[in-house]
N, C-alpha and C. Protein backbone atom coordinates (compact mmCIF):
# COMPACT_ATOMS: atom_id res chain seq x y z
N MET A 1 153.51 125.28 -203.32
CA MET A 1 154.31 124.39 -202.50
C MET A 1 155.58 125.12 -202.09
N LYS A 2 155.84 125.17 -200.82
CA LYS A 2 157.00 125.88 -200.29
C LYS A 2 158.13 124.88 -200.07
N PHE A 3 159.32 125.20 -200.58
CA PHE A 3 160.48 124.34 -200.35
C PHE A 3 161.72 125.20 -200.20
N ALA A 4 162.78 124.56 -199.69
CA ALA A 4 164.04 125.27 -199.47
C ALA A 4 165.18 124.34 -199.83
N ILE A 5 166.29 124.95 -200.26
CA ILE A 5 167.54 124.23 -200.47
C ILE A 5 168.46 124.65 -199.33
N LEU A 6 168.94 123.67 -198.57
CA LEU A 6 169.83 123.99 -197.46
C LEU A 6 171.08 123.14 -197.52
N GLU A 7 172.11 123.65 -196.87
CA GLU A 7 173.39 122.95 -196.84
C GLU A 7 173.59 122.36 -195.45
N VAL A 8 173.68 121.03 -195.40
CA VAL A 8 173.88 120.32 -194.14
C VAL A 8 175.19 119.57 -194.28
N GLY A 9 176.18 119.94 -193.48
CA GLY A 9 177.51 119.35 -193.65
C GLY A 9 178.07 119.78 -194.99
N SER A 10 178.36 118.84 -195.85
CA SER A 10 178.86 119.17 -197.18
C SER A 10 177.83 118.83 -198.26
N GLN A 11 176.58 118.54 -197.85
CA GLN A 11 175.54 118.18 -198.80
C GLN A 11 174.54 119.32 -198.95
N GLN A 12 173.98 119.45 -200.15
CA GLN A 12 172.86 120.35 -200.37
C GLN A 12 171.60 119.50 -200.48
N VAL A 13 170.57 119.85 -199.70
CA VAL A 13 169.38 119.03 -199.59
C VAL A 13 168.15 119.88 -199.90
N ARG A 14 167.20 119.30 -200.66
CA ARG A 14 165.92 119.96 -200.92
C ARG A 14 164.94 119.51 -199.85
N ALA A 15 164.31 120.48 -199.16
CA ALA A 15 163.43 120.15 -198.05
C ALA A 15 162.11 120.89 -198.20
N GLU A 16 161.03 120.19 -197.92
CA GLU A 16 159.69 120.77 -197.88
C GLU A 16 159.19 120.66 -196.45
N GLU A 17 158.20 121.49 -196.09
CA GLU A 17 157.62 121.40 -194.75
C GLU A 17 156.92 120.06 -194.60
N GLY A 18 157.22 119.35 -193.53
CA GLY A 18 156.63 118.05 -193.28
C GLY A 18 157.40 116.88 -193.86
N SER A 19 158.43 117.14 -194.66
CA SER A 19 159.19 116.05 -195.26
C SER A 19 160.28 115.56 -194.31
N ILE A 20 160.79 114.37 -194.60
CA ILE A 20 161.87 113.79 -193.81
C ILE A 20 163.11 113.73 -194.70
N ILE A 21 164.21 114.32 -194.23
CA ILE A 21 165.44 114.31 -195.02
C ILE A 21 166.46 113.42 -194.31
N THR A 22 167.37 112.88 -195.09
CA THR A 22 168.44 112.02 -194.58
C THR A 22 169.77 112.70 -194.85
N VAL A 23 170.56 112.90 -193.79
CA VAL A 23 171.86 113.56 -193.91
C VAL A 23 172.90 112.73 -193.17
N ASN A 24 174.16 113.08 -193.34
CA ASN A 24 175.22 112.42 -192.58
C ASN A 24 175.01 112.65 -191.09
N ARG A 25 175.57 111.76 -190.29
CA ARG A 25 175.34 111.78 -188.84
C ARG A 25 175.64 113.14 -188.23
N MET A 26 174.73 113.61 -187.37
CA MET A 26 174.89 114.89 -186.68
C MET A 26 175.12 114.62 -185.19
N PRO A 27 175.82 115.51 -184.49
CA PRO A 27 176.16 115.25 -183.09
C PRO A 27 175.01 115.46 -182.10
N GLN A 28 173.90 116.10 -182.51
CA GLN A 28 172.79 116.34 -181.59
C GLN A 28 172.06 115.05 -181.25
N ASN A 29 171.26 115.08 -180.19
CA ASN A 29 170.51 113.92 -179.74
C ASN A 29 169.16 113.84 -180.44
N GLU A 30 168.53 112.66 -180.34
CA GLU A 30 167.20 112.48 -180.90
C GLU A 30 166.21 113.36 -180.16
N GLY A 31 165.30 113.99 -180.89
CA GLY A 31 164.31 114.88 -180.30
C GLY A 31 164.74 116.33 -180.24
N ASP A 32 166.03 116.62 -180.48
CA ASP A 32 166.50 118.00 -180.47
C ASP A 32 165.99 118.74 -181.71
N VAL A 33 165.80 120.05 -181.55
CA VAL A 33 165.40 120.91 -182.66
C VAL A 33 166.65 121.57 -183.22
N VAL A 34 166.84 121.48 -184.54
CA VAL A 34 168.00 122.08 -185.19
C VAL A 34 167.52 123.11 -186.21
N ASP A 35 168.31 124.17 -186.38
CA ASP A 35 167.99 125.23 -187.33
C ASP A 35 169.09 125.32 -188.37
N PHE A 36 168.69 125.54 -189.62
CA PHE A 36 169.62 125.69 -190.72
C PHE A 36 169.31 126.96 -191.48
N PRO A 37 170.32 127.67 -192.00
CA PRO A 37 170.03 128.76 -192.93
C PRO A 37 169.77 128.18 -194.32
N ALA A 38 168.94 128.86 -195.10
CA ALA A 38 168.57 128.35 -196.42
C ALA A 38 169.38 129.04 -197.50
N MET A 39 169.74 128.29 -198.53
CA MET A 39 170.43 128.84 -199.68
C MET A 39 169.43 129.35 -200.72
N LEU A 40 168.23 128.77 -200.73
CA LEU A 40 167.17 129.16 -201.64
C LEU A 40 165.85 128.82 -200.99
N ILE A 41 164.87 129.73 -201.11
CA ILE A 41 163.52 129.47 -200.62
C ILE A 41 162.56 129.80 -201.75
N SER A 42 161.61 128.91 -201.97
CA SER A 42 160.61 129.13 -203.01
C SER A 42 159.23 128.84 -202.43
N ASP A 43 158.32 129.79 -202.61
CA ASP A 43 156.93 129.53 -202.30
C ASP A 43 156.14 129.67 -203.61
N ASP A 44 154.84 129.73 -203.54
CA ASP A 44 154.04 129.76 -204.77
C ASP A 44 154.32 130.98 -205.64
N ASP A 45 154.60 132.13 -205.02
CA ASP A 45 154.75 133.37 -205.79
C ASP A 45 156.19 133.83 -205.96
N ASN A 46 157.03 133.63 -204.96
CA ASN A 46 158.37 134.23 -204.97
C ASN A 46 159.46 133.17 -204.83
N VAL A 47 160.64 133.56 -205.34
CA VAL A 47 161.84 132.75 -205.16
C VAL A 47 162.91 133.66 -204.58
N TYR A 48 163.47 133.26 -203.43
CA TYR A 48 164.53 134.03 -202.78
C TYR A 48 165.83 133.25 -202.93
N ILE A 49 166.80 133.87 -203.56
CA ILE A 49 168.09 133.23 -203.80
C ILE A 49 169.14 133.92 -202.95
N GLY A 50 169.91 133.14 -202.20
CA GLY A 50 170.92 133.69 -201.33
C GLY A 50 172.28 133.70 -201.99
N ARG A 51 173.15 134.56 -201.46
CA ARG A 51 174.53 134.63 -201.96
C ARG A 51 175.46 134.64 -200.77
N PRO A 52 175.80 133.57 -200.12
CA PRO A 52 175.40 132.19 -200.37
C PRO A 52 174.13 131.79 -199.64
N ILE A 53 173.70 132.54 -198.57
CA ILE A 53 172.47 132.16 -197.87
C ILE A 53 171.48 133.31 -197.94
N VAL A 54 170.19 133.00 -197.79
CA VAL A 54 169.14 134.01 -197.78
C VAL A 54 169.12 134.66 -196.40
N GLU A 55 169.23 135.98 -196.38
CA GLU A 55 169.25 136.71 -195.11
C GLU A 55 167.90 136.57 -194.41
N GLY A 56 167.94 136.24 -193.12
CA GLY A 56 166.73 136.12 -192.32
C GLY A 56 165.98 134.81 -192.53
N SER A 57 166.60 133.86 -193.20
CA SER A 57 165.93 132.58 -193.43
C SER A 57 166.22 131.61 -192.30
N LYS A 58 165.25 130.74 -192.04
CA LYS A 58 165.44 129.73 -191.00
C LYS A 58 164.60 128.50 -191.38
N VAL A 59 165.26 127.36 -191.42
CA VAL A 59 164.58 126.09 -191.62
C VAL A 59 164.80 125.29 -190.35
N SER A 60 163.71 125.00 -189.64
CA SER A 60 163.85 124.26 -188.39
C SER A 60 163.29 122.86 -188.55
N GLY A 61 163.96 121.93 -187.90
CA GLY A 61 163.55 120.53 -187.98
C GLY A 61 163.86 119.81 -186.68
N THR A 62 163.25 118.64 -186.53
CA THR A 62 163.43 117.82 -185.34
C THR A 62 164.16 116.54 -185.73
N ILE A 63 165.18 116.17 -184.97
CA ILE A 63 165.91 114.94 -185.25
C ILE A 63 165.07 113.76 -184.82
N LEU A 64 164.77 112.87 -185.78
CA LEU A 64 163.95 111.70 -185.50
C LEU A 64 164.77 110.53 -185.00
N SER A 65 165.86 110.21 -185.72
CA SER A 65 166.64 109.03 -185.34
C SER A 65 168.04 109.10 -185.93
N HIS A 66 168.93 108.32 -185.32
CA HIS A 66 170.27 108.08 -185.84
C HIS A 66 170.29 106.62 -186.28
N GLU A 67 170.66 106.37 -187.53
CA GLU A 67 170.62 105.03 -188.08
C GLU A 67 171.87 104.77 -188.90
N ARG A 68 171.88 103.61 -189.53
CA ARG A 68 172.92 103.28 -190.51
C ARG A 68 172.23 102.97 -191.82
N SER A 69 172.80 103.44 -192.92
CA SER A 69 172.17 103.26 -194.22
C SER A 69 172.34 101.82 -194.69
N ALA A 70 171.76 101.52 -195.83
CA ALA A 70 171.90 100.19 -196.42
C ALA A 70 173.36 99.96 -196.80
N LYS A 71 173.76 98.70 -196.83
CA LYS A 71 175.16 98.37 -197.11
C LYS A 71 175.50 98.65 -198.57
N THR A 72 176.64 99.27 -198.78
CA THR A 72 177.19 99.51 -200.10
C THR A 72 178.39 98.59 -200.26
N LEU A 73 178.42 97.82 -201.34
CA LEU A 73 179.54 96.91 -201.56
C LEU A 73 180.64 97.60 -202.35
N VAL A 74 181.86 97.37 -201.93
CA VAL A 74 183.05 97.87 -202.62
C VAL A 74 183.82 96.63 -203.05
N PHE A 75 184.01 96.48 -204.35
CA PHE A 75 184.67 95.28 -204.87
C PHE A 75 185.79 95.71 -205.80
N LYS A 76 187.02 95.26 -205.51
CA LYS A 76 188.17 95.56 -206.35
C LYS A 76 188.74 94.24 -206.86
N TYR A 77 189.19 94.25 -208.09
CA TYR A 77 189.88 93.06 -208.59
C TYR A 77 190.78 93.46 -209.74
N LYS A 78 191.76 92.59 -209.96
CA LYS A 78 192.66 92.77 -211.10
C LYS A 78 192.54 91.52 -211.95
N PRO A 79 192.18 91.69 -213.20
CA PRO A 79 191.96 90.52 -214.04
C PRO A 79 193.24 89.70 -214.23
N LYS A 80 193.07 88.38 -214.26
CA LYS A 80 194.14 87.40 -214.53
C LYS A 80 195.21 87.36 -213.45
N LYS A 81 195.00 87.98 -212.29
CA LYS A 81 196.03 88.02 -211.25
C LYS A 81 195.57 87.39 -209.94
N ARG A 82 194.35 86.88 -209.88
CA ARG A 82 193.78 86.28 -208.67
C ARG A 82 193.74 87.27 -207.50
N TYR A 83 193.51 88.51 -207.78
CA TYR A 83 193.42 89.54 -206.75
C TYR A 83 191.96 90.00 -206.68
N ARG A 84 191.31 89.74 -205.56
CA ARG A 84 189.93 90.15 -205.36
C ARG A 84 189.77 90.62 -203.91
N ARG A 85 189.10 91.75 -203.73
CA ARG A 85 188.81 92.28 -202.40
C ARG A 85 187.37 92.74 -202.37
N LYS A 86 186.60 92.17 -201.44
CA LYS A 86 185.20 92.54 -201.28
C LYS A 86 185.04 93.16 -199.90
N GLN A 87 184.44 94.33 -199.85
CA GLN A 87 184.29 95.04 -198.60
C GLN A 87 182.93 95.74 -198.60
N GLY A 88 182.29 95.82 -197.44
CA GLY A 88 181.01 96.51 -197.31
C GLY A 88 181.17 97.77 -196.47
N HIS A 89 180.26 98.72 -196.69
CA HIS A 89 180.29 99.97 -195.93
C HIS A 89 178.86 100.39 -195.62
N ARG A 90 178.61 100.77 -194.36
CA ARG A 90 177.32 101.32 -193.96
C ARG A 90 177.55 102.70 -193.36
N GLN A 91 176.97 103.72 -193.99
CA GLN A 91 177.16 105.10 -193.57
C GLN A 91 176.26 105.41 -192.37
N GLU A 92 176.80 106.12 -191.39
CA GLU A 92 176.01 106.61 -190.26
C GLU A 92 175.18 107.80 -190.74
N ILE A 93 173.84 107.75 -190.54
CA ILE A 93 172.96 108.80 -191.03
C ILE A 93 172.06 109.31 -189.91
N THR A 94 171.47 110.48 -190.14
CA THR A 94 170.50 111.09 -189.24
C THR A 94 169.27 111.45 -190.06
N LYS A 95 168.09 111.11 -189.54
CA LYS A 95 166.83 111.46 -190.19
C LYS A 95 166.24 112.67 -189.47
N ILE A 96 165.87 113.69 -190.26
CA ILE A 96 165.34 114.94 -189.72
C ILE A 96 163.99 115.23 -190.35
N LYS A 97 163.00 115.57 -189.51
CA LYS A 97 161.68 115.98 -190.02
C LYS A 97 161.66 117.50 -190.05
N ILE A 98 161.36 118.07 -191.22
CA ILE A 98 161.32 119.52 -191.38
C ILE A 98 160.00 120.05 -190.85
N ASP A 99 160.06 120.94 -189.85
CA ASP A 99 158.86 121.48 -189.22
C ASP A 99 158.41 122.77 -189.86
N GLU A 100 159.36 123.69 -190.11
CA GLU A 100 158.97 125.02 -190.57
C GLU A 100 160.04 125.63 -191.44
N ILE A 101 159.60 126.32 -192.50
CA ILE A 101 160.49 127.10 -193.36
C ILE A 101 159.99 128.55 -193.26
N SER A 102 160.86 129.44 -192.78
CA SER A 102 160.42 130.83 -192.60
C SER A 102 161.48 131.78 -193.12
N ILE A 103 161.01 132.97 -193.50
CA ILE A 103 161.89 134.06 -193.93
C ILE A 103 161.30 135.36 -193.40
N LYS A 104 162.20 136.26 -192.97
CA LYS A 104 161.73 137.54 -192.42
C LYS A 104 161.64 138.58 -193.52
């Protein structure tokens, strides 16, 4: 099984060929092809570790959609003081389908 660890924005994501990854919102449009350098690539026989990226590596994927994640509740309170604040947050996300993991 071939997989790669890549850095998208400030997140490190594990990606396999054919998998769908979720990352923070990206500025590209739906249907665009994006390429990322890999920090680590592993296939059945070899493991390539980059410092910080693997030279000649390329992980290409297609942007499927721009969405908003499920709501996360933020609740603050101070006991015995009648202070309560409830707030929700929905993160803007992008779904990417990984097409190919390659190394030269």
